[in-house]
């Protein structure tokens, strides 16, 4: 397939490289001319094990190119991925200005039916906003899909090539887009990983829910560690005991200074704000954030 990926940050670059590695023709687009020049020169703006080799190999074989020309990339592609940043606003919500700006640019460039895929981490309802932004700029038919990423830093290539699952959020009864996305991801799921088709709203929430439940495990184990200190128990022994239960597993059970990084704090706050905007008090997630803040201050 011919694919455009708008945004060459962590998600966009891994996405473009892995899709090209599987035989697709991919154009990665970025408005930052210096970043595009860096990538064309074979230098990586980020470090991820295995990424540089994949980028160079597919660049040499003309399956992966880099450009600042978004309209040409859109017109040449059957699928356009939006993989730009959604920084945190002052109130904790996700700032969609970059996503919607790209959507408008894509709309102005459309010349045929195209599947527009939101790969950025976005709040529920964004797919409808993307559709509205594109529709104001074009009379062409198009589909909007939500396809959240579930990549771990340091293991992103393996996570993409051998996913636990692929989540595809489609608009009501959009069988055409569903078929296109299943064709695209079919080679990555041959070992049995499920392709889960659902509404765009469910797909958008799935990403926030996944990161929030992982953050919850971290805060819970930090609370257990604090209780262990008071009771004379060894938290490492407790961790191994509960992690040996197959219903629980061993991931994200290590106590420490709390969760951080570029995703968990932002996504927890975004889900809290989205819930608050709908009149719901997300008590457990409030506590998760409170525990994390306290842990960092210990």
C-alpha atoms as a PDB file:
ATOM      1  CA  UNK A   1       0.000   0.000   0.000  1.00  0.00           C
ATOM      2  CA  UNK A   2       0.969   3.639  -0.424  1.00  0.00           C
ATOM      3  CA  UNK A   3       0.920   5.401   2.921  1.00  0.00           C
ATOM      4  CA  UNK A   4       1.627   8.887   4.260  1.00  0.00           C
ATOM      5  CA  UNK A   5       2.597   9.438   7.890  1.00  0.00           C
ATOM      6  CA  UNK A   6       2.287  13.033   9.079  1.00  0.00           C
ATOM      7  CA  UNK A   7       4.667  13.630  11.974  1.00  0.00           C
ATOM      8  CA  UNK A   8       8.160  12.177  12.417  1.00  0.00           C
ATOM      9  CA  UNK A   9       8.282  12.075  16.196  1.00  0.00           C
ATOM     10  CA  UNK A  10       8.599   8.867  18.181  1.00  0.00           C
ATOM     11  CA  UNK A  11       5.280   7.354  17.089  1.00  0.00           C
ATOM     12  CA  UNK A  12       5.348   8.544  13.484  1.00  0.00           C
ATOM     13  CA  UNK A  13       8.901   7.442  12.770  1.00  0.00           C
ATOM     14  CA  UNK A  14       8.452   3.974  14.269  1.00  0.00           C
ATOM     15  CA  UNK A  15       5.132   3.608  12.436  1.00  0.00           C
ATOM     16  CA  UNK A  16       6.536   4.662   9.073  1.00  0.00           C
ATOM     17  CA  UNK A  17       9.657   2.521   9.383  1.00  0.00           C
ATOM     18  CA  UNK A  18       7.771  -0.623  10.398  1.00  0.00           C
ATOM     19  CA  UNK A  19       5.141  -0.248   7.671  1.00  0.00           C
ATOM     20  CA  UNK A  20       7.901   0.201   5.078  1.00  0.00           C
ATOM     21  CA  UNK A  21       9.755  -2.820   6.467  1.00  0.00           C
ATOM     22  CA  UNK A  22       6.669  -4.876   5.664  1.00  0.00           C
ATOM     23  CA  UNK A  23       6.752  -3.819   2.006  1.00  0.00           C
ATOM     24  CA  UNK A  24       4.549  -0.724   1.964  1.00  0.00           C
ATOM     25  CA  UNK A  25       5.617   2.490   0.243  1.00  0.00           C
ATOM     26  CA  UNK A  26       5.701   5.156   2.954  1.00  0.00           C
ATOM     27  CA  UNK A  27       6.194   8.922   2.852  1.00  0.00           C
ATOM     28  CA  UNK A  28       6.902  10.459   6.253  1.00  0.00           C
ATOM     29  CA  UNK A  29       5.966  14.139   6.305  1.00  0.00           C
ATOM     30  CA  UNK A  30       7.094  16.833   8.707  1.00  0.00           C
ATOM     31  CA  UNK A  31       6.906  20.620   8.473  1.00  0.00           C
ATOM     32  CA  UNK A  32      10.279  20.872  10.224  1.00  0.00           C
ATOM     33  CA  UNK A  33      12.729  21.135   7.334  1.00  0.00           C
ATOM     34  CA  UNK A  34      15.768  20.508   9.538  1.00  0.00           C
ATOM     35  CA  UNK A  35      14.280  17.270  10.886  1.00  0.00           C
ATOM     36  CA  UNK A  36      13.496  16.071   7.371  1.00  0.00           C
ATOM     37  CA  UNK A  37      17.043  16.928   6.269  1.00  0.00           C
ATOM     38  CA  UNK A  38      18.430  15.000   9.249  1.00  0.00           C
ATOM     39  CA  UNK A  39      16.363  11.926   8.367  1.00  0.00           C
ATOM     40  CA  UNK A  40      17.304  12.117   4.694  1.00  0.00           C
ATOM     41  CA  UNK A  41      20.945  12.125   5.787  1.00  0.00           C
ATOM     42  CA  UNK A  42      20.361   8.875   7.667  1.00  0.00           C
ATOM     43  CA  UNK A  43      20.558  10.362  11.155  1.00  0.00           C
ATOM     44  CA  UNK A  44      17.877   9.628  13.746  1.00  0.00           C
ATOM     45  CA  UNK A  45      16.299  12.414  15.856  1.00  0.00           C
ATOM     46  CA  UNK A  46      15.390   9.796  18.481  1.00  0.00           C
ATOM     47  CA  UNK A  47      16.960   6.592  19.756  1.00  0.00           C
ATOM     48  CA  UNK A  48      15.072   3.339  19.617  1.00  0.00           C
ATOM     49  CA  UNK A  49      16.852  -0.034  19.330  1.00  0.00           C
ATOM     50  CA  UNK A  50      16.737  -1.291  15.738  1.00  0.00           C
ATOM     51  CA  UNK A  51      15.084   1.818  14.312  1.00  0.00           C
ATOM     52  CA  UNK A  52      18.110   3.299  12.554  1.00  0.00           C
ATOM     53  CA  UNK A  53      18.834   0.069  10.694  1.00  0.00           C
ATOM     54  CA  UNK A  54      15.235  -0.268   9.503  1.00  0.00           C
ATOM     55  CA  UNK A  55      15.060   3.356   8.378  1.00  0.00           C
ATOM     56  CA  UNK A  56      18.322   3.146   6.435  1.00  0.00           C
ATOM     57  CA  UNK A  57      17.449  -0.171   4.805  1.00  0.00           C
ATOM     58  CA  UNK A  58      14.040   0.968   3.612  1.00  0.00           C
ATOM     59  CA  UNK A  59      15.366   4.352   2.531  1.00  0.00           C
ATOM     60  CA  UNK A  60      17.980   2.605   0.381  1.00  0.00           C
ATOM     61  CA  UNK A  61      15.289   0.364  -1.116  1.00  0.00           C
ATOM     62  CA  UNK A  62      13.040   3.385  -1.861  1.00  0.00           C
ATOM     63  CA  UNK A  63      10.189   2.196   0.332  1.00  0.00           C
ATOM     64  CA  UNK A  64      10.650   4.985   2.881  1.00  0.00           C
ATOM     65  CA  UNK A  65      11.075   8.662   2.010  1.00  0.00           C
ATOM     66  CA  UNK A  66      10.912  11.919   3.947  1.00  0.00           C
ATOM     67  CA  UNK A  67       9.267  15.129   2.801  1.00  0.00           C
ATOM     68  CA  UNK A  68       7.887  18.510   3.846  1.00  0.00           C
ATOM     69  CA  UNK A  69       5.315  18.403   1.016  1.00  0.00           C
ATOM     70  CA  UNK A  70       2.117  17.249   2.717  1.00  0.00           C
ATOM     71  CA  UNK A  71      -0.270  17.803  -0.244  1.00  0.00           C
ATOM     72  CA  UNK A  72       1.818  15.647  -2.596  1.00  0.00           C
ATOM     73  CA  UNK A  73       2.153  12.908   0.026  1.00  0.00           C
ATOM     74  CA  UNK A  74      -1.608  12.872   0.641  1.00  0.00           C
ATOM     75  CA  UNK A  75      -2.457  12.727  -3.056  1.00  0.00           C
ATOM     76  CA  UNK A  76      -0.051   9.812  -3.556  1.00  0.00           C
ATOM     77  CA  UNK A  77      -1.424   7.736  -0.660  1.00  0.00           C
ATOM     78  CA  UNK A  78      -4.372   5.461   0.061  1.00  0.00           C
ATOM     79  CA  UNK A  79      -3.939   5.846   3.824  1.00  0.00           C
ATOM     80  CA  UNK A  80      -2.844   8.950   5.729  1.00  0.00           C
ATOM     81  CA  UNK A  81      -1.776   8.586   9.365  1.00  0.00           C
ATOM     82  CA  UNK A  82      -1.880  11.608  11.666  1.00  0.00           C
ATOM     83  CA  UNK A  83       0.899  11.137  14.230  1.00  0.00           C
ATOM     84  CA  UNK A  84       1.513  14.585  15.668  1.00  0.00           C
ATOM     85  CA  UNK A  85       1.772  15.687  19.273  1.00  0.00           C
ATOM     86  CA  UNK A  86      -1.121  16.344  21.642  1.00  0.00           C
ATOM     87  CA  UNK A  87       0.548  18.393  24.383  1.00  0.00           C
ATOM     88  CA  UNK A  88      -1.122  18.898  27.729  1.00  0.00           C
ATOM     89  CA  UNK A  89      -3.117  22.110  28.126  1.00  0.00           C
ATOM     90  CA  UNK A  90      -3.059  24.104  31.356  1.00  0.00           C
ATOM     91  CA  UNK A  91      -6.314  22.478  32.490  1.00  0.00           C
ATOM     92  CA  UNK A  92      -4.952  18.962  31.900  1.00  0.00           C
ATOM     93  CA  UNK A  93      -6.821  18.297  28.664  1.00  0.00           C
ATOM     94  CA  UNK A  94      -5.130  17.237  25.432  1.00  0.00           C
ATOM     95  CA  UNK A  95      -4.404  20.114  23.052  1.00  0.00           C
ATOM     96  CA  UNK A  96      -5.711  19.100  19.615  1.00  0.00           C
ATOM     97  CA  UNK A  97      -4.524  22.103  17.622  1.00  0.00           C
ATOM     98  CA  UNK A  98      -1.824  20.129  15.781  1.00  0.00           C
ATOM     99  CA  UNK A  99      -4.132  17.183  15.018  1.00  0.00           C
ATOM    100  CA  UNK A 100      -6.914  19.395  13.686  1.00  0.00           C
ATOM    101  CA  UNK A 101      -4.456  21.579  11.793  1.00  0.00           C
ATOM    102  CA  UNK A 102      -3.142  18.513   9.966  1.00  0.00           C
ATOM    103  CA  UNK A 103      -6.720  17.355   9.351  1.00  0.00           C
ATOM    104  CA  UNK A 104      -7.530  20.632   7.606  1.00  0.00           C
ATOM    105  CA  UNK A 105      -4.362  20.418   5.504  1.00  0.00           C
ATOM    106  CA  UNK A 106      -5.204  16.833   4.543  1.00  0.00           C
ATOM    107  CA  UNK A 107      -8.731  17.864   3.593  1.00  0.00           C
ATOM    108  CA  UNK A 108      -7.457  20.552   1.240  1.00  0.00           C
ATOM    109  CA  UNK A 109      -5.163  18.015  -0.451  1.00  0.00           C
ATOM    110  CA  UNK A 110      -7.589  15.107  -0.932  1.00  0.00           C
ATOM    111  CA  UNK A 111      -8.111  14.075  -4.556  1.00  0.00           C
ATOM    112  CA  UNK A 112      -9.719  10.642  -4.074  1.00  0.00           C
ATOM    113  CA  UNK A 113     -11.172   8.348  -1.428  1.00  0.00           C
ATOM    114  CA  UNK A 114      -8.623   8.111   1.387  1.00  0.00           C
ATOM    115  CA  UNK A 115      -8.555   6.544   4.839  1.00  0.00           C
ATOM    116  CA  UNK A 116      -7.438   9.095   7.445  1.00  0.00           C
ATOM    117  CA  UNK A 117      -6.063   7.390  10.558  1.00  0.00           C
ATOM    118  CA  UNK A 118      -5.571   9.135  13.880  1.00  0.00           C
ATOM    119  CA  UNK A 119      -2.515   7.564  15.504  1.00  0.00           C
ATOM    120  CA  UNK A 120      -2.031  10.319  18.094  1.00  0.00           C
ATOM    121  CA  UNK A 121      -3.245   9.819  21.660  1.00  0.00           C
ATOM    122  CA  UNK A 122      -6.474  11.808  21.704  1.00  0.00           C
ATOM    123  CA  UNK A 123      -9.595  12.187  23.871  1.00  0.00           C
ATOM    124  CA  UNK A 124     -12.919  10.585  23.050  1.00  0.00           C
ATOM    125  CA  UNK A 125     -14.719  12.469  20.302  1.00  0.00           C
ATOM    126  CA  UNK A 126     -11.607  13.495  18.371  1.00  0.00           C
ATOM    127  CA  UNK A 127     -12.447  11.357  15.325  1.00  0.00           C
ATOM    128  CA  UNK A 128     -15.652  13.350  14.868  1.00  0.00           C
ATOM    129  CA  UNK A 129     -13.704  16.599  15.142  1.00  0.00           C
ATOM    130  CA  UNK A 130     -11.200  15.334  12.582  1.00  0.00           C
ATOM    131  CA  UNK A 131     -14.040  14.403  10.220  1.00  0.00           C
ATOM    132  CA  UNK A 132     -15.617  17.839  10.593  1.00  0.00           C
ATOM    133  CA  UNK A 133     -12.278  19.585  10.004  1.00  0.00           C
ATOM    134  CA  UNK A 134     -11.609  17.585   6.830  1.00  0.00           C
ATOM    135  CA  UNK A 135     -15.172  17.844   5.530  1.00  0.00           C
ATOM    136  CA  UNK A 136     -15.021  21.639   5.621  1.00  0.00           C
ATOM    137  CA  UNK A 137     -12.108  21.525   3.168  1.00  0.00           C
ATOM    138  CA  UNK A 138     -13.165  18.891   0.617  1.00  0.00           C
ATOM    139  CA  UNK A 139     -16.027  17.277  -1.278  1.00  0.00           C
ATOM    140  CA  UNK A 140     -14.115  13.993  -1.645  1.00  0.00           C
ATOM    141  CA  UNK A 141     -15.297  10.897   0.206  1.00  0.00           C
ATOM    142  CA  UNK A 142     -13.056   9.713   3.031  1.00  0.00           C
ATOM    143  CA  UNK A 143     -13.024   7.591   6.159  1.00  0.00           C
ATOM    144  CA  UNK A 144     -11.727   8.468   9.612  1.00  0.00           C
ATOM    145  CA  UNK A 145     -10.215   5.718  11.755  1.00  0.00           C
ATOM    146  CA  UNK A 146      -8.836   5.730  15.294  1.00  0.00           C
ATOM    147  CA  UNK A 147      -5.816   3.428  15.642  1.00  0.00           C
ATOM    148  CA  UNK A 148      -4.044   4.054  18.970  1.00  0.00           C
ATOM    149  CA  UNK A 149      -0.454   2.959  19.501  1.00  0.00           C
ATOM    150  CA  UNK A 150       0.659   0.731  22.368  1.00  0.00           C
ATOM    151  CA  UNK A 151       4.442   1.014  22.146  1.00  0.00           C
ATOM    152  CA  UNK A 152       6.983   0.751  24.954  1.00  0.00           C
ATOM    153  CA  UNK A 153      10.100   2.862  24.719  1.00  0.00           C
ATOM    154  CA  UNK A 154      13.037   0.555  24.165  1.00  0.00           C
ATOM    155  CA  UNK A 155      10.844  -2.154  22.629  1.00  0.00           C
ATOM    156  CA  UNK A 156       8.803  -0.177  20.099  1.00  0.00           C
ATOM    157  CA  UNK A 157       9.942  -2.080  17.000  1.00  0.00           C
ATOM    158  CA  UNK A 158       9.085  -5.461  18.492  1.00  0.00           C
ATOM    159  CA  UNK A 159       5.812  -4.097  19.881  1.00  0.00           C
ATOM    160  CA  UNK A 160       4.787  -2.914  16.422  1.00  0.00           C
ATOM    161  CA  UNK A 161       5.984  -5.968  14.520  1.00  0.00           C
ATOM    162  CA  UNK A 162       4.555  -8.428  17.060  1.00  0.00           C
ATOM    163  CA  UNK A 163       1.639  -6.628  18.727  1.00  0.00           C
ATOM    164  CA  UNK A 164      -0.440  -7.978  21.589  1.00  0.00           C
ATOM    165  CA  UNK A 165      -3.444  -6.590  19.719  1.00  0.00           C
ATOM    166  CA  UNK A 166      -4.340  -4.030  17.063  1.00  0.00           C
ATOM    167  CA  UNK A 167      -7.202  -1.676  17.912  1.00  0.00           C
ATOM    168  CA  UNK A 168      -9.169  -0.209  15.018  1.00  0.00           C
ATOM    169  CA  UNK A 169     -11.897   2.325  15.708  1.00  0.00           C
ATOM    170  CA  UNK A 170     -14.215   2.881  12.756  1.00  0.00           C
ATOM    171  CA  UNK A 171     -17.192   5.102  12.149  1.00  0.00           C
ATOM    172  CA  UNK A 172     -20.650   3.532  12.002  1.00  0.00           C
ATOM    173  CA  UNK A 173     -20.676   0.521   9.650  1.00  0.00           C
ATOM    174  CA  UNK A 174     -17.657   1.724   7.656  1.00  0.00           C
ATOM    175  CA  UNK A 175     -16.832  -1.674   6.178  1.00  0.00           C
ATOM    176  CA  UNK A 176     -14.579  -0.135   3.534  1.00  0.00           C
ATOM    177  CA  UNK A 177     -12.211   1.409   6.072  1.00  0.00           C
ATOM    178  CA  UNK A 178     -12.344  -1.737   8.208  1.00  0.00           C
ATOM    179  CA  UNK A 179     -11.239  -3.852   5.235  1.00  0.00           C
ATOM    180  CA  UNK A 180      -8.395  -1.474   4.362  1.00  0.00           C
ATOM    181  CA  UNK A 181      -7.055  -1.469   7.918  1.00  0.00           C
ATOM    182  CA  UNK A 182      -7.298  -5.251   8.270  1.00  0.00           C
ATOM    183  CA  UNK A 183      -5.403  -5.674   5.007  1.00  0.00           C
ATOM    184  CA  UNK A 184      -2.709  -3.305   6.288  1.00  0.00           C
ATOM    185  CA  UNK A 185      -2.297  -5.004   9.670  1.00  0.00           C
ATOM    186  CA  UNK A 186      -2.897  -8.590   8.546  1.00  0.00           C
ATOM    187  CA  UNK A 187       0.821  -9.373   8.105  1.00  0.00           C
ATOM    188  CA  UNK A 188       1.547  -8.169  11.652  1.00  0.00           C
ATOM    189  CA  UNK A 189      -1.066 -10.434  13.247  1.00  0.00           C
ATOM    190  CA  UNK A 190      -0.333 -13.763  11.578  1.00  0.00           C
ATOM    191  CA  UNK A 191       0.822 -15.262  14.873  1.00  0.00           C
ATOM    192  CA  UNK A 192      -2.655 -14.861  16.321  1.00  0.00           C
ATOM    193  CA  UNK A 193      -2.768 -11.368  17.819  1.00  0.00           C
ATOM    194  CA  UNK A 194      -6.332 -10.090  17.502  1.00  0.00           C
ATOM    195  CA  UNK A 195      -7.432  -7.158  15.377  1.00  0.00           C
ATOM    196  CA  UNK A 196     -10.136  -5.570  17.521  1.00  0.00           C
ATOM    197  CA  UNK A 197     -12.660  -3.511  15.565  1.00  0.00           C
ATOM    198  CA  UNK A 198     -14.799  -1.116  17.585  1.00  0.00           C
ATOM    199  CA  UNK A 199     -16.240   2.392  17.505  1.00  0.00           C
ATOM    200  CA  UNK A 200     -13.884   5.365  17.291  1.00  0.00           C
ATOM    201  CA  UNK A 201     -14.985   6.378  20.790  1.00  0.00           C
ATOM    202  CA  UNK A 202     -14.063   2.982  22.231  1.00  0.00           C
ATOM    203  CA  UNK A 203     -10.677   2.978  20.488  1.00  0.00           C
ATOM    204  CA  UNK A 204      -9.865   6.475  21.706  1.00  0.00           C
ATOM    205  CA  UNK A 205     -10.748   5.558  25.286  1.00  0.00           C
ATOM    206  CA  UNK A 206      -8.858   2.245  25.113  1.00  0.00           C
ATOM    207  CA  UNK A 207      -5.512   4.048  24.900  1.00  0.00           C
ATOM    208  CA  UNK A 208      -6.200   6.259  27.926  1.00  0.00           C
ATOM    209  CA  UNK A 209      -7.638   3.312  29.850  1.00  0.00           C
ATOM    210  CA  UNK A 210      -4.578   1.153  29.153  1.00  0.00           C
ATOM    211  CA  UNK A 211      -2.095   3.758  30.361  1.00  0.00           C
ATOM    212  CA  UNK A 212      -4.270   4.633  33.342  1.00  0.00           C
ATOM    213  CA  UNK A 213      -4.523   1.053  34.568  1.00  0.00           C
ATOM    214  CA  UNK A 214      -0.736   0.696  34.305  1.00  0.00           C
ATOM    215  CA  UNK A 215      -0.332   3.913  36.282  1.00  0.00           C
ATOM    216  CA  UNK A 216      -2.770   2.473  38.824  1.00  0.00           C
ATOM    217  CA  UNK A 217      -0.599  -0.613  39.303  1.00  0.00           C
ATOM    218  CA  UNK A 218       2.447   1.581  39.916  1.00  0.00           C
ATOM    219  CA  UNK A 219       0.673   3.717  42.517  1.00  0.00           C
ATOM    220  CA  UNK A 220      -0.822   0.649  44.177  1.00  0.00           C
ATOM    221  CA  UNK A 221       2.574  -1.017  44.531  1.00  0.00           C
ATOM    222  CA  UNK A 222       4.050   2.163  45.969  1.00  0.00           C
ATOM    223  CA  UNK A 223       1.305   2.137  48.592  1.00  0.00           C
ATOM    224  CA  UNK A 224       2.043  -1.540  49.303  1.00  0.00           C
ATOM    225  CA  UNK A 225       5.735  -0.656  49.699  1.00  0.00           C
ATOM    226  CA  UNK A 226       4.865   2.048  52.220  1.00  0.00           C
ATOM    227  CA  UNK A 227       2.705  -0.394  54.187  1.00  0.00           C
ATOM    228  CA  UNK A 228       5.508  -2.985  54.081  1.00  0.00           C
ATOM    229  CA  UNK A 229       7.819  -0.514  55.808  1.00  0.00           C
ATOM    230  CA  UNK A 230       5.277  -0.031  58.594  1.00  0.00           C
ATOM    231  CA  UNK A 231       4.597  -3.746  59.036  1.00  0.00           C
ATOM    232  CA  UNK A 232       8.117  -5.122  58.702  1.00  0.00           C
ATOM    233  CA  UNK A 233       7.382  -6.963  55.463  1.00  0.00           C
ATOM    234  CA  UNK A 234       9.723  -7.243  52.463  1.00  0.00           C
ATOM    235  CA  UNK A 235       8.062  -5.581  49.467  1.00  0.00           C
ATOM    236  CA  UNK A 236      10.170  -7.590  47.015  1.00  0.00           C
ATOM    237  CA  UNK A 237       8.890 -10.835  48.499  1.00  0.00           C
ATOM    238  CA  UNK A 238       5.323  -9.518  48.461  1.00  0.00           C
ATOM    239  CA  UNK A 239       5.738  -8.425  44.832  1.00  0.00           C
ATOM    240  CA  UNK A 240       6.942 -11.875  43.776  1.00  0.00           C
ATOM    241  CA  UNK A 241       4.111 -13.554  45.650  1.00  0.00           C
ATOM    242  CA  UNK A 242       1.350 -11.541  44.022  1.00  0.00           C
ATOM    243  CA  UNK A 243       3.054 -11.450  40.616  1.00  0.00           C
ATOM    244  CA  UNK A 244       3.125 -15.251  40.519  1.00  0.00           C
ATOM    245  CA  UNK A 245      -0.672 -15.209  40.346  1.00  0.00           C
ATOM    246  CA  UNK A 246      -1.502 -15.603  36.648  1.00  0.00           C
ATOM    247  CA  UNK A 247      -4.502 -13.329  37.059  1.00  0.00           C
ATOM    248  CA  UNK A 248      -2.162 -10.512  38.092  1.00  0.00           C
ATOM    249  CA  UNK A 249       1.164 -11.092  36.324  1.00  0.00           C
ATOM    250  CA  UNK A 250       4.500  -9.431  36.979  1.00  0.00           C
ATOM    251  CA  UNK A 251       4.362  -6.271  34.863  1.00  0.00           C
ATOM    252  CA  UNK A 252       4.351  -2.847  36.529  1.00  0.00           C
ATOM    253  CA  UNK A 253       4.664  -4.223  40.057  1.00  0.00           C
ATOM    254  CA  UNK A 254       7.954  -2.568  40.956  1.00  0.00           C
ATOM    255  CA  UNK A 255       7.725   0.167  43.601  1.00  0.00           C
ATOM    256  CA  UNK A 256       9.783   3.297  43.143  1.00  0.00           C
ATOM    257  CA  UNK A 257       9.578   7.064  42.848  1.00  0.00           C
ATOM    258  CA  UNK A 258       6.296   6.950  40.934  1.00  0.00           C
ATOM    259  CA  UNK A 259       5.372   7.003  37.278  1.00  0.00           C
ATOM    260  CA  UNK A 260       6.706   9.718  35.016  1.00  0.00           C
ATOM    261  CA  UNK A 261       7.795  10.179  31.423  1.00  0.00           C
ATOM    262  CA  UNK A 262       5.932  11.698  28.526  1.00  0.00           C
ATOM    263  CA  UNK A 263       2.805   9.517  28.542  1.00  0.00           C
ATOM    264  CA  UNK A 264       1.449   8.349  31.901  1.00  0.00           C
ATOM    265  CA  UNK A 265       1.149  11.731  33.678  1.00  0.00           C
ATOM    266  CA  UNK A 266      -0.335  13.389  30.593  1.00  0.00           C
ATOM    267  CA  UNK A 267      -2.773  10.587  29.814  1.00  0.00           C
ATOM    268  CA  UNK A 268      -3.966  10.230  33.419  1.00  0.00           C
ATOM    269  CA  UNK A 269      -4.642  13.968  33.592  1.00  0.00           C
ATOM    270  CA  UNK A 270      -6.391  13.936  30.218  1.00  0.00           C
ATOM    271  CA  UNK A 271      -8.734  11.118  31.270  1.00  0.00           C
ATOM    272  CA  UNK A 272      -9.459  12.859  34.570  1.00  0.00           C
ATOM    273  CA  UNK A 273     -10.280  16.092  32.732  1.00  0.00           C
ATOM    274  CA  UNK A 274     -12.431  14.350  30.116  1.00  0.00           C
ATOM    275  CA  UNK A 275     -14.376  12.601  32.891  1.00  0.00           C
ATOM    276  CA  UNK A 276     -14.767  15.850  34.826  1.00  0.00           C
ATOM    277  CA  UNK A 277     -16.064  17.608  31.702  1.00  0.00           C
ATOM    278  CA  UNK A 278     -18.840  15.025  31.561  1.00  0.00           C
ATOM    279  CA  UNK A 279     -19.732  15.480  35.219  1.00  0.00           C
ATOM    280  CA  UNK A 280     -18.045  12.323  36.496  1.00  0.00           C
ATOM    281  CA  UNK A 281     -15.628  12.182  39.426  1.00  0.00           C
ATOM    282  CA  UNK A 282     -13.095   9.441  38.624  1.00  0.00           C
ATOM    283  CA  UNK A 283     -12.255   8.689  42.255  1.00  0.00           C
ATOM    284  CA  UNK A 284      -9.791   5.849  41.726  1.00  0.00           C
ATOM    285  CA  UNK A 285      -7.792   7.771  39.132  1.00  0.00           C
ATOM    286  CA  UNK A 286      -7.828  10.846  41.362  1.00  0.00           C
ATOM    287  CA  UNK A 287      -6.245   8.699  44.078  1.00  0.00           C
ATOM    288  CA  UNK A 288      -3.702   7.244  41.646  1.00  0.00           C
ATOM    289  CA  UNK A 289      -2.507  10.729  40.739  1.00  0.00           C
ATOM    290  CA  UNK A 290      -2.498  11.847  44.378  1.00  0.00           C
ATOM    291  CA  UNK A 291      -0.436   8.826  45.459  1.00  0.00           C
ATOM    292  CA  UNK A 292       2.009   9.444  42.628  1.00  0.00           C
ATOM    293  CA  UNK A 293       2.464  13.086  43.582  1.00  0.00           C
ATOM    294  CA  UNK A 294       3.047  12.091  47.223  1.00  0.00           C
ATOM    295  CA  UNK A 295       5.521   9.382  46.253  1.00  0.00           C
ATOM    296  CA  UNK A 296       7.637  11.828  44.288  1.00  0.00           C
ATOM    297  CA  UNK A 297       7.753  14.127  47.315  1.00  0.00           C
ATOM    298  CA  UNK A 298       8.891  11.402  49.763  1.00  0.00           C
END
